[in-house]
């Protein structure tokens, strides 16, 4: 059984104590925010994988598994992303429900 923890880019890049405990106690990590839609595509058509790549590189170096982030959060519009794509914020619940069922 894998035991995991969420990891933010801040601790990953600047908190060695945090990372020491993470590397010693956990064999799986999940991106806290680095793999969320607005972090990966901060502006339409412009992708930034730097934080996600740092997490995956760290996990790989420490033989840890990696979990990504949910593609669509059930009742929370993706901040700004829907506005960029559709000219307004769009609730994702309907999309999630139609995919899930």
PDB file of N, CA and C in Angstrom:
ATOM      1  N   UNK A   1       0.850  -1.172   0.000  1.00  0.00           N
ATOM      2  CA  UNK A   1       0.000   0.000   0.000  1.00  0.00           C
ATOM      3  C   UNK A   1       0.896   1.235   0.000  1.00  0.00           C
ATOM      4  N   UNK A   2       0.601   2.148  -0.898  1.00  0.00           N
ATOM      5  CA  UNK A   2       1.351   3.391  -0.961  1.00  0.00           C
ATOM      6  C   UNK A   2       0.734   4.414  -0.009  1.00  0.00           C
ATOM      7  N   UNK A   3       1.609   5.144   0.662  1.00  0.00           N
ATOM      8  CA  UNK A   3       1.184   6.234   1.541  1.00  0.00           C
ATOM      9  C   UNK A   3       1.724   7.515   0.930  1.00  0.00           C
ATOM     10  N   UNK A   4       0.831   8.472   0.684  1.00  0.00           N
ATOM     11  CA  UNK A   4       1.245   9.675  -0.026  1.00  0.00           C
ATOM     12  C   UNK A   4       0.928  10.953   0.702  1.00  0.00           C
ATOM     13  N   UNK A   5       1.424  12.032   0.132  1.00  0.00           N
ATOM     14  CA  UNK A   5       1.201  13.371   0.672  1.00  0.00           C
ATOM     15  C   UNK A   5       1.146  14.367  -0.474  1.00  0.00           C
ATOM     16  N   UNK A   6       0.373  15.433  -0.268  1.00  0.00           N
ATOM     17  CA  UNK A   6       0.340  16.526  -1.240  1.00  0.00           C
ATOM     18  C   UNK A   6       1.573  17.398  -1.027  1.00  0.00           C
ATOM     19  N   UNK A   7       2.145  17.870  -2.121  1.00  0.00           N
ATOM     20  CA  UNK A   7       3.367  18.669  -2.049  1.00  0.00           C
ATOM     21  C   UNK A   7       3.178  19.946  -2.855  1.00  0.00           C
ATOM     22  N   UNK A   8       3.469  21.078  -2.225  1.00  0.00           N
ATOM     23  CA  UNK A   8       3.429  22.362  -2.909  1.00  0.00           C
ATOM     24  C   UNK A   8       4.799  22.700  -3.472  1.00  0.00           C
ATOM     25  N   UNK A   9       4.815  23.599  -4.440  1.00  0.00           N
ATOM     26  CA  UNK A   9       6.079  23.984  -5.068  1.00  0.00           C
ATOM     27  C   UNK A   9       6.983  24.742  -4.096  1.00  0.00           C
ATOM     28  N   UNK A  10       6.398  25.500  -3.159  1.00  0.00           N
ATOM     29  CA  UNK A  10       7.208  26.244  -2.192  1.00  0.00           C
ATOM     30  C   UNK A  10       8.086  25.341  -1.349  1.00  0.00           C
ATOM     31  N   UNK A  11       7.500  24.369  -0.644  1.00  0.00           N
ATOM     32  CA  UNK A  11       8.329  23.449   0.132  1.00  0.00           C
ATOM     33  C   UNK A  11       9.305  22.662  -0.747  1.00  0.00           C
ATOM     34  N   UNK A  12       8.867  22.311  -1.940  1.00  0.00           N
ATOM     35  CA  UNK A  12       9.719  21.537  -2.841  1.00  0.00           C
ATOM     36  C   UNK A  12      10.995  22.301  -3.184  1.00  0.00           C
ATOM     37  N   UNK A  13      10.872  23.609  -3.346  1.00  0.00           N
ATOM     38  CA  UNK A  13      12.029  24.398  -3.763  1.00  0.00           C
ATOM     39  C   UNK A  13      12.772  25.072  -2.624  1.00  0.00           C
ATOM     40  N   UNK A  14      12.147  25.180  -1.431  1.00  0.00           N
ATOM     41  CA  UNK A  14      12.831  25.990  -0.416  1.00  0.00           C
ATOM     42  C   UNK A  14      12.703  25.514   1.030  1.00  0.00           C
ATOM     43  N   UNK A  15      12.194  24.307   1.259  1.00  0.00           N
ATOM     44  CA  UNK A  15      12.047  23.839   2.637  1.00  0.00           C
ATOM     45  C   UNK A  15      12.635  22.436   2.760  1.00  0.00           C
ATOM     46  N   UNK A  16      13.934  22.378   2.992  1.00  0.00           N
ATOM     47  CA  UNK A  16      14.623  21.082   3.014  1.00  0.00           C
ATOM     48  C   UNK A  16      14.137  20.195   4.161  1.00  0.00           C
ATOM     49  N   UNK A  17      13.757  20.788   5.285  1.00  0.00           N
ATOM     50  CA  UNK A  17      13.235  19.999   6.399  1.00  0.00           C
ATOM     51  C   UNK A  17      11.954  19.290   6.023  1.00  0.00           C
ATOM     52  N   UNK A  18      11.069  20.005   5.366  1.00  0.00           N
ATOM     53  CA  UNK A  18       9.801  19.445   4.900  1.00  0.00           C
ATOM     54  C   UNK A  18      10.068  18.287   3.943  1.00  0.00           C
ATOM     55  N   UNK A  19      10.982  18.506   3.016  1.00  0.00           N
ATOM     56  CA  UNK A  19      11.265  17.497   2.009  1.00  0.00           C
ATOM     57  C   UNK A  19      11.961  16.271   2.608  1.00  0.00           C
ATOM     58  N   UNK A  20      12.779  16.478   3.633  1.00  0.00           N
ATOM     59  CA  UNK A  20      13.433  15.349   4.309  1.00  0.00           C
ATOM     60  C   UNK A  20      12.386  14.415   4.906  1.00  0.00           C
ATOM     61  N   UNK A  21      11.402  14.994   5.575  1.00  0.00           N
ATOM     62  CA  UNK A  21      10.325  14.181   6.160  1.00  0.00           C
ATOM     63  C   UNK A  21       9.515  13.516   5.050  1.00  0.00           C
ATOM     64  N   UNK A  22       9.183  14.258   4.013  1.00  0.00           N
ATOM     65  CA  UNK A  22       8.415  13.708   2.899  1.00  0.00           C
ATOM     66  C   UNK A  22       9.141  12.509   2.294  1.00  0.00           C
ATOM     67  N   UNK A  23      10.421  12.667   2.045  1.00  0.00           N
ATOM     68  CA  UNK A  23      11.192  11.602   1.401  1.00  0.00           C
ATOM     69  C   UNK A  23      11.364  10.382   2.310  1.00  0.00           C
ATOM     70  N   UNK A  24      11.416  10.586   3.589  1.00  0.00           N
ATOM     71  CA  UNK A  24      11.603   9.488   4.536  1.00  0.00           C
ATOM     72  C   UNK A  24      10.291   8.738   4.811  1.00  0.00           C
ATOM     73  N   UNK A  25       9.169   9.457   4.867  1.00  0.00           N
ATOM     74  CA  UNK A  25       7.914   8.876   5.347  1.00  0.00           C
ATOM     75  C   UNK A  25       6.896   8.480   4.272  1.00  0.00           C
ATOM     76  N   UNK A  26       7.051   8.980   3.063  1.00  0.00           N
ATOM     77  CA  UNK A  26       6.027   8.759   2.032  1.00  0.00           C
ATOM     78  C   UNK A  26       6.615   8.144   0.771  1.00  0.00           C
ATOM     79  N   UNK A  27       5.835   7.279   0.145  1.00  0.00           N
ATOM     80  CA  UNK A  27       6.310   6.671  -1.098  1.00  0.00           C
ATOM     81  C   UNK A  27       5.466   7.078  -2.308  1.00  0.00           C
ATOM     82  N   UNK A  28       4.625   8.079  -2.108  1.00  0.00           N
ATOM     83  CA  UNK A  28       3.806   8.607  -3.190  1.00  0.00           C
ATOM     84  C   UNK A  28       3.535  10.085  -2.907  1.00  0.00           C
ATOM     85  N   UNK A  29       3.514  10.883  -3.959  1.00  0.00           N
ATOM     86  CA  UNK A  29       3.216  12.314  -3.794  1.00  0.00           C
ATOM     87  C   UNK A  29       2.140  12.734  -4.792  1.00  0.00           C
ATOM     88  N   UNK A  30       1.425  13.783  -4.429  1.00  0.00           N
ATOM     89  CA  UNK A  30       0.435  14.395  -5.315  1.00  0.00           C
ATOM     90  C   UNK A  30       0.730  15.887  -5.366  1.00  0.00           C
ATOM     91  N   UNK A  31       0.568  16.457  -6.522  1.00  0.00           N
ATOM     92  CA  UNK A  31       0.792  17.891  -6.679  1.00  0.00           C
ATOM     93  C   UNK A  31      -0.300  18.657  -5.950  1.00  0.00           C
ATOM     94  N   UNK A  32       0.112  19.563  -5.077  1.00  0.00           N
ATOM     95  CA  UNK A  32      -0.864  20.382  -4.361  1.00  0.00           C
ATOM     96  C   UNK A  32      -1.577  21.320  -5.333  1.00  0.00           C
ATOM     97  N   UNK A  33      -0.845  22.046  -6.144  1.00  0.00           N
ATOM     98  CA  UNK A  33      -1.437  22.952  -7.128  1.00  0.00           C
ATOM     99  C   UNK A  33      -0.764  22.890  -8.495  1.00  0.00           C
ATOM    100  N   UNK A  34       0.423  22.335  -8.582  1.00  0.00           N
ATOM    101  CA  UNK A  34       1.239  22.400  -9.797  1.00  0.00           C
ATOM    102  C   UNK A  34       0.604  21.748 -11.016  1.00  0.00           C
ATOM    103  N   UNK A  35      -0.343  20.857 -10.821  1.00  0.00           N
ATOM    104  CA  UNK A  35      -0.961  20.175 -11.956  1.00  0.00           C
ATOM    105  C   UNK A  35      -2.407  20.604 -12.173  1.00  0.00           C
ATOM    106  N   UNK A  36      -2.824  21.640 -11.476  1.00  0.00           N
ATOM    107  CA  UNK A  36      -4.173  22.171 -11.700  1.00  0.00           C
ATOM    108  C   UNK A  36      -4.178  22.947 -13.014  1.00  0.00           C
ATOM    109  N   UNK A  37      -5.353  23.012 -13.589  1.00  0.00           N
ATOM    110  CA  UNK A  37      -5.515  23.609 -14.896  1.00  0.00           C
ATOM    111  C   UNK A  37      -4.928  25.022 -14.959  1.00  0.00           C
ATOM    112  N   UNK A  38      -5.251  25.871 -13.992  1.00  0.00           N
ATOM    113  CA  UNK A  38      -4.789  27.263 -14.074  1.00  0.00           C
ATOM    114  C   UNK A  38      -3.287  27.389 -13.852  1.00  0.00           C
ATOM    115  N   UNK A  39      -2.655  26.405 -13.213  1.00  0.00           N
ATOM    116  CA  UNK A  39      -1.198  26.435 -13.042  1.00  0.00           C
ATOM    117  C   UNK A  39      -0.490  25.962 -14.307  1.00  0.00           C
ATOM    118  N   UNK A  40      -1.062  24.981 -14.961  1.00  0.00           N
ATOM    119  CA  UNK A  40      -0.459  24.419 -16.166  1.00  0.00           C
ATOM    120  C   UNK A  40      -0.675  25.318 -17.383  1.00  0.00           C
ATOM    121  N   UNK A  41      -1.842  25.964 -17.462  1.00  0.00           N
ATOM    122  CA  UNK A  41      -2.137  26.861 -18.588  1.00  0.00           C
ATOM    123  C   UNK A  41      -2.570  28.223 -18.035  1.00  0.00           C
ATOM    124  N   UNK A  42      -1.589  29.021 -17.567  1.00  0.00           N
ATOM    125  CA  UNK A  42      -1.927  30.298 -16.938  1.00  0.00           C
ATOM    126  C   UNK A  42      -2.593  31.296 -17.889  1.00  0.00           C
ATOM    127  N   UNK A  43      -2.269  31.222 -19.153  1.00  0.00           N
ATOM    128  CA  UNK A  43      -2.967  32.013 -20.165  1.00  0.00           C
ATOM    129  C   UNK A  43      -3.273  31.069 -21.323  1.00  0.00           C
ATOM    130  N   UNK A  44      -4.354  31.328 -21.994  1.00  0.00           N
ATOM    131  CA  UNK A  44      -4.835  30.435 -23.049  1.00  0.00           C
ATOM    132  C   UNK A  44      -3.730  30.147 -24.066  1.00  0.00           C
ATOM    133  N   UNK A  45      -3.467  28.873 -24.248  1.00  0.00           N
ATOM    134  CA  UNK A  45      -2.491  28.444 -25.239  1.00  0.00           C
ATOM    135  C   UNK A  45      -1.044  28.539 -24.788  1.00  0.00           C
ATOM    136  N   UNK A  46      -0.821  29.000 -23.575  1.00  0.00           N
ATOM    137  CA  UNK A  46       0.536  29.140 -23.035  1.00  0.00           C
ATOM    138  C   UNK A  46       0.664  28.210 -21.834  1.00  0.00           C
ATOM    139  N   UNK A  47       1.500  27.203 -21.970  1.00  0.00           N
ATOM    140  CA  UNK A  47       1.616  26.182 -20.936  1.00  0.00           C
ATOM    141  C   UNK A  47       2.886  26.360 -20.122  1.00  0.00           C
ATOM    142  N   UNK A  48       2.780  26.052 -18.834  1.00  0.00           N
ATOM    143  CA  UNK A  48       3.919  26.158 -17.930  1.00  0.00           C
ATOM    144  C   UNK A  48       3.952  24.890 -17.072  1.00  0.00           C
ATOM    145  N   UNK A  49       4.854  23.998 -17.413  1.00  0.00           N
ATOM    146  CA  UNK A  49       4.965  22.725 -16.710  1.00  0.00           C
ATOM    147  C   UNK A  49       6.095  22.729 -15.694  1.00  0.00           C
ATOM    148  N   UNK A  50       6.734  23.869 -15.435  1.00  0.00           N
ATOM    149  CA  UNK A  50       7.931  23.924 -14.591  1.00  0.00           C
ATOM    150  C   UNK A  50       7.710  23.320 -13.200  1.00  0.00           C
ATOM    151  N   UNK A  51       6.675  23.745 -12.495  1.00  0.00           N
ATOM    152  CA  UNK A  51       6.430  23.234 -11.136  1.00  0.00           C
ATOM    153  C   UNK A  51       6.070  21.748 -11.166  1.00  0.00           C
ATOM    154  N   UNK A  52       5.259  21.343 -12.122  1.00  0.00           N
ATOM    155  CA  UNK A  52       4.905  19.922 -12.249  1.00  0.00           C
ATOM    156  C   UNK A  52       6.144  19.092 -12.565  1.00  0.00           C
ATOM    157  N   UNK A  53       6.986  19.592 -13.443  1.00  0.00           N
ATOM    158  CA  UNK A  53       8.221  18.878 -13.787  1.00  0.00           C
ATOM    159  C   UNK A  53       9.150  18.749 -12.586  1.00  0.00           C
ATOM    160  N   UNK A  54       9.235  19.804 -11.762  1.00  0.00           N
ATOM    161  CA  UNK A  54      10.069  19.733 -10.559  1.00  0.00           C
ATOM    162  C   UNK A  54       9.575  18.641  -9.617  1.00  0.00           C
ATOM    163  N   UNK A  55       8.256  18.565  -9.439  1.00  0.00           N
ATOM    164  CA  UNK A  55       7.682  17.549  -8.558  1.00  0.00           C
ATOM    165  C   UNK A  55       7.965  16.146  -9.084  1.00  0.00           C
ATOM    166  N   UNK A  56       7.754  15.927 -10.358  1.00  0.00           N
ATOM    167  CA  UNK A  56       7.974  14.606 -10.944  1.00  0.00           C
ATOM    168  C   UNK A  56       9.458  14.229 -10.877  1.00  0.00           C
ATOM    169  N   UNK A  57      10.338  15.188 -11.136  1.00  0.00           N
ATOM    170  CA  UNK A  57      11.776  14.912 -11.064  1.00  0.00           C
ATOM    171  C   UNK A  57      12.181  14.533  -9.638  1.00  0.00           C
ATOM    172  N   UNK A  58      11.660  15.269  -8.657  1.00  0.00           N
ATOM    173  CA  UNK A  58      11.976  14.969  -7.264  1.00  0.00           C
ATOM    174  C   UNK A  58      11.457  13.581  -6.888  1.00  0.00           C
ATOM    175  N   UNK A  59      10.226  13.302  -7.236  1.00  0.00           N
ATOM    176  CA  UNK A  59       9.630  12.003  -6.910  1.00  0.00           C
ATOM    177  C   UNK A  59      10.416  10.874  -7.573  1.00  0.00           C
ATOM    178  N   UNK A  60      10.786  11.062  -8.810  1.00  0.00           N
ATOM    179  CA  UNK A  60      11.547  10.044  -9.528  1.00  0.00           C
ATOM    180  C   UNK A  60      12.897   9.790  -8.854  1.00  0.00           C
ATOM    181  N   UNK A  61      13.543  10.868  -8.426  1.00  0.00           N
ATOM    182  CA  UNK A  61      14.845  10.748  -7.765  1.00  0.00           C
ATOM    183  C   UNK A  61      14.744  10.041  -6.416  1.00  0.00           C
ATOM    184  N   UNK A  62      13.547  10.038  -5.823  1.00  0.00           N
ATOM    185  CA  UNK A  62      13.352   9.422  -4.506  1.00  0.00           C
ATOM    186  C   UNK A  62      12.449   8.190  -4.564  1.00  0.00           C
ATOM    187  N   UNK A  63      12.302   7.635  -5.770  1.00  0.00           N
ATOM    188  CA  UNK A  63      11.535   6.410  -5.978  1.00  0.00           C
ATOM    189  C   UNK A  63      10.106   6.501  -5.420  1.00  0.00           C
ATOM    190  N   UNK A  64       9.472   7.646  -5.646  1.00  0.00           N
ATOM    191  CA  UNK A  64       8.094   7.873  -5.199  1.00  0.00           C
ATOM    192  C   UNK A  64       7.155   7.870  -6.401  1.00  0.00           C
ATOM    193  N   UNK A  65       5.956   7.376  -6.199  1.00  0.00           N
ATOM    194  CA  UNK A  65       4.936   7.462  -7.226  1.00  0.00           C
ATOM    195  C   UNK A  65       4.375   8.882  -7.261  1.00  0.00           C
ATOM    196  N   UNK A  66       3.723   9.242  -8.348  1.00  0.00           N
ATOM    197  CA  UNK A  66       3.146  10.582  -8.504  1.00  0.00           C
ATOM    198  C   UNK A  66       1.695  10.461  -8.935  1.00  0.00           C
ATOM    199  N   UNK A  67       0.835  11.237  -8.283  1.00  0.00           N
ATOM    200  CA  UNK A  67      -0.568  11.357  -8.685  1.00  0.00           C
ATOM    201  C   UNK A  67      -0.778  12.764  -9.207  1.00  0.00           C
ATOM    202  N   UNK A  68      -1.548  12.893 -10.251  1.00  0.00           N
ATOM    203  CA  UNK A  68      -1.846  14.212 -10.808  1.00  0.00           C
ATOM    204  C   UNK A  68      -2.997  14.860 -10.070  1.00  0.00           C
ATOM    205  N   UNK A  69      -3.668  15.782 -10.721  1.00  0.00           N
ATOM    206  CA  UNK A  69      -4.793  16.473 -10.116  1.00  0.00           C
ATOM    207  C   UNK A  69      -6.040  16.214 -10.944  1.00  0.00           C
ATOM    208  N   UNK A  70      -7.180  16.327 -10.307  1.00  0.00           N
ATOM    209  CA  UNK A  70      -8.466  16.165 -10.965  1.00  0.00           C
ATOM    210  C   UNK A  70      -8.575  17.118 -12.150  1.00  0.00           C
ATOM    211  N   UNK A  71      -9.037  16.605 -13.274  1.00  0.00           N
ATOM    212  CA  UNK A  71      -9.169  17.431 -14.468  1.00  0.00           C
ATOM    213  C   UNK A  71     -10.213  18.534 -14.285  1.00  0.00           C
ATOM    214  N   UNK A  72     -11.352  18.179 -13.732  1.00  0.00           N
ATOM    215  CA  UNK A  72     -12.419  19.161 -13.513  1.00  0.00           C
ATOM    216  C   UNK A  72     -12.936  19.016 -12.091  1.00  0.00           C
ATOM    217  N   UNK A  73     -12.888  20.083 -11.344  1.00  0.00           N
ATOM    218  CA  UNK A  73     -13.353  20.085  -9.958  1.00  0.00           C
ATOM    219  C   UNK A  73     -14.864  20.212  -9.981  1.00  0.00           C
ATOM    220  N   UNK A  74     -15.582  19.352  -9.288  1.00  0.00           N
ATOM    221  CA  UNK A  74     -17.026  19.201  -9.425  1.00  0.00           C
ATOM    222  C   UNK A  74     -17.817  20.506  -9.361  1.00  0.00           C
ATOM    223  N   UNK A  75     -17.684  21.287  -8.293  1.00  0.00           N
ATOM    224  CA  UNK A  75     -18.561  22.446  -8.165  1.00  0.00           C
ATOM    225  C   UNK A  75     -17.805  23.769  -8.176  1.00  0.00           C
ATOM    226  N   UNK A  76     -16.596  23.749  -8.646  1.00  0.00           N
ATOM    227  CA  UNK A  76     -15.787  24.967  -8.636  1.00  0.00           C
ATOM    228  C   UNK A  76     -15.356  25.295 -10.048  1.00  0.00           C
ATOM    229  N   UNK A  77     -15.710  26.468 -10.550  1.00  0.00           N
ATOM    230  CA  UNK A  77     -15.238  26.810 -11.882  1.00  0.00           C
ATOM    231  C   UNK A  77     -13.718  26.930 -11.858  1.00  0.00           C
ATOM    232  N   UNK A  78     -13.086  26.561 -12.945  1.00  0.00           N
ATOM    233  CA  UNK A  78     -11.637  26.720 -13.035  1.00  0.00           C
ATOM    234  C   UNK A  78     -11.372  28.217 -13.115  1.00  0.00           C
ATOM    235  N   UNK A  79     -10.636  28.777 -12.133  1.00  0.00           N
ATOM    236  CA  UNK A  79     -10.471  30.231 -12.058  1.00  0.00           C
ATOM    237  C   UNK A  79      -9.901  30.831 -13.337  1.00  0.00           C
ATOM    238  N   UNK A  80     -10.690  31.647 -13.978  1.00  0.00           N
ATOM    239  CA  UNK A  80     -10.230  32.368 -15.155  1.00  0.00           C
ATOM    240  C   UNK A  80     -10.167  31.545 -16.429  1.00  0.00           C
ATOM    241  N   UNK A  81      -9.971  30.249 -16.329  1.00  0.00           N
ATOM    242  CA  UNK A  81      -9.797  29.435 -17.527  1.00  0.00           C
ATOM    243  C   UNK A  81     -11.060  29.435 -18.381  1.00  0.00           C
ATOM    244  N   UNK A  82     -12.207  29.229 -17.741  1.00  0.00           N
ATOM    245  CA  UNK A  82     -13.451  29.237 -18.506  1.00  0.00           C
ATOM    246  C   UNK A  82     -13.742  30.625 -19.060  1.00  0.00           C
ATOM    247  N   UNK A  83     -13.380  31.656 -18.309  1.00  0.00           N
ATOM    248  CA  UNK A  83     -13.582  33.020 -18.778  1.00  0.00           C
ATOM    249  C   UNK A  83     -12.747  33.254 -20.034  1.00  0.00           C
ATOM    250  N   UNK A  84     -11.505  32.751 -20.041  1.00  0.00           N
ATOM    251  CA  UNK A  84     -10.647  32.913 -21.209  1.00  0.00           C
ATOM    252  C   UNK A  84     -11.214  32.161 -22.406  1.00  0.00           C
ATOM    253  N   UNK A  85     -11.766  30.985 -22.163  1.00  0.00           N
ATOM    254  CA  UNK A  85     -12.232  30.158 -23.274  1.00  0.00           C
ATOM    255  C   UNK A  85     -13.627  30.548 -23.770  1.00  0.00           C
ATOM    256  N   UNK A  86     -14.499  30.919 -22.845  1.00  0.00           N
ATOM    257  CA  UNK A  86     -15.893  31.135 -23.210  1.00  0.00           C
ATOM    258  C   UNK A  86     -16.391  32.551 -22.995  1.00  0.00           C
ATOM    259  N   UNK A  87     -15.540  33.440 -22.493  1.00  0.00           N
ATOM    260  CA  UNK A  87     -15.941  34.812 -22.254  1.00  0.00           C
ATOM    261  C   UNK A  87     -16.701  35.000 -20.954  1.00  0.00           C
ATOM    262  N   UNK A  88     -16.861  33.922 -20.178  1.00  0.00           N
ATOM    263  CA  UNK A  88     -17.550  33.987 -18.891  1.00  0.00           C
ATOM    264  C   UNK A  88     -17.128  32.774 -18.072  1.00  0.00           C
ATOM    265  N   UNK A  89     -17.316  32.843 -16.765  1.00  0.00           N
ATOM    266  CA  UNK A  89     -17.060  31.673 -15.935  1.00  0.00           C
ATOM    267  C   UNK A  89     -18.152  30.642 -16.201  1.00  0.00           C
ATOM    268  N   UNK A  90     -17.770  29.410 -16.311  1.00  0.00           N
ATOM    269  CA  UNK A  90     -18.706  28.327 -16.583  1.00  0.00           C
ATOM    270  C   UNK A  90     -18.591  27.316 -15.452  1.00  0.00           C
ATOM    271  N   UNK A  91     -19.701  26.977 -14.871  1.00  0.00           N
ATOM    272  CA  UNK A  91     -19.728  25.962 -13.812  1.00  0.00           C
ATOM    273  C   UNK A  91     -19.375  24.615 -14.426  1.00  0.00           C
ATOM    274  N   UNK A  92     -18.501  23.861 -13.785  1.00  0.00           N
ATOM    275  CA  UNK A  92     -18.065  22.584 -14.338  1.00  0.00           C
ATOM    276  C   UNK A  92     -18.932  21.411 -13.897  1.00  0.00           C
ATOM    277  N   UNK A  93     -19.843  21.607 -12.975  1.00  0.00           N
ATOM    278  CA  UNK A  93     -20.641  20.493 -12.457  1.00  0.00           C
ATOM    279  C   UNK A  93     -21.363  19.728 -13.573  1.00  0.00           C
ATOM    280  N   UNK A  94     -21.961  20.416 -14.513  1.00  0.00           N
ATOM    281  CA  UNK A  94     -22.682  19.740 -15.592  1.00  0.00           C
ATOM    282  C   UNK A  94     -21.757  18.895 -16.434  1.00  0.00           C
ATOM    283  N   UNK A  95     -20.583  19.399 -16.733  1.00  0.00           N
ATOM    284  CA  UNK A  95     -19.617  18.635 -17.516  1.00  0.00           C
ATOM    285  C   UNK A  95     -19.173  17.398 -16.777  1.00  0.00           C
ATOM    286  N   UNK A  96     -18.896  17.554 -15.500  1.00  0.00           N
ATOM    287  CA  UNK A  96     -18.453  16.418 -14.693  1.00  0.00           C
ATOM    288  C   UNK A  96     -19.560  15.389 -14.599  1.00  0.00           C
ATOM    289  N   UNK A  97     -20.786  15.823 -14.358  1.00  0.00           N
ATOM    290  CA  UNK A  97     -21.902  14.882 -14.248  1.00  0.00           C
ATOM    291  C   UNK A  97     -22.135  14.133 -15.565  1.00  0.00           C
ATOM    292  N   UNK A  98     -22.034  14.820 -16.683  1.00  0.00           N
ATOM    293  CA  UNK A  98     -22.287  14.145 -17.946  1.00  0.00           C
ATOM    294  C   UNK A  98     -21.177  13.157 -18.287  1.00  0.00           C
ATOM    295  N   UNK A  99     -19.954  13.429 -17.850  1.00  0.00           N
ATOM    296  CA  UNK A  99     -18.857  12.502 -18.080  1.00  0.00           C
ATOM    297  C   UNK A  99     -18.950  11.334 -17.110  1.00  0.00           C
ATOM    298  N   UNK A 100     -19.270  11.642 -15.846  1.00  0.00           N
ATOM    299  CA  UNK A 100     -19.284  10.607 -14.820  1.00  0.00           C
ATOM    300  C   UNK A 100     -20.442   9.627 -14.978  1.00  0.00           C
ATOM    301  N   UNK A 101     -21.550  10.060 -15.471  1.00  0.00           N
ATOM    302  CA  UNK A 101     -22.714   9.182 -15.558  1.00  0.00           C
ATOM    303  C   UNK A 101     -22.977   8.830 -16.974  1.00  0.00           C
TER     304      UNK A 101
END
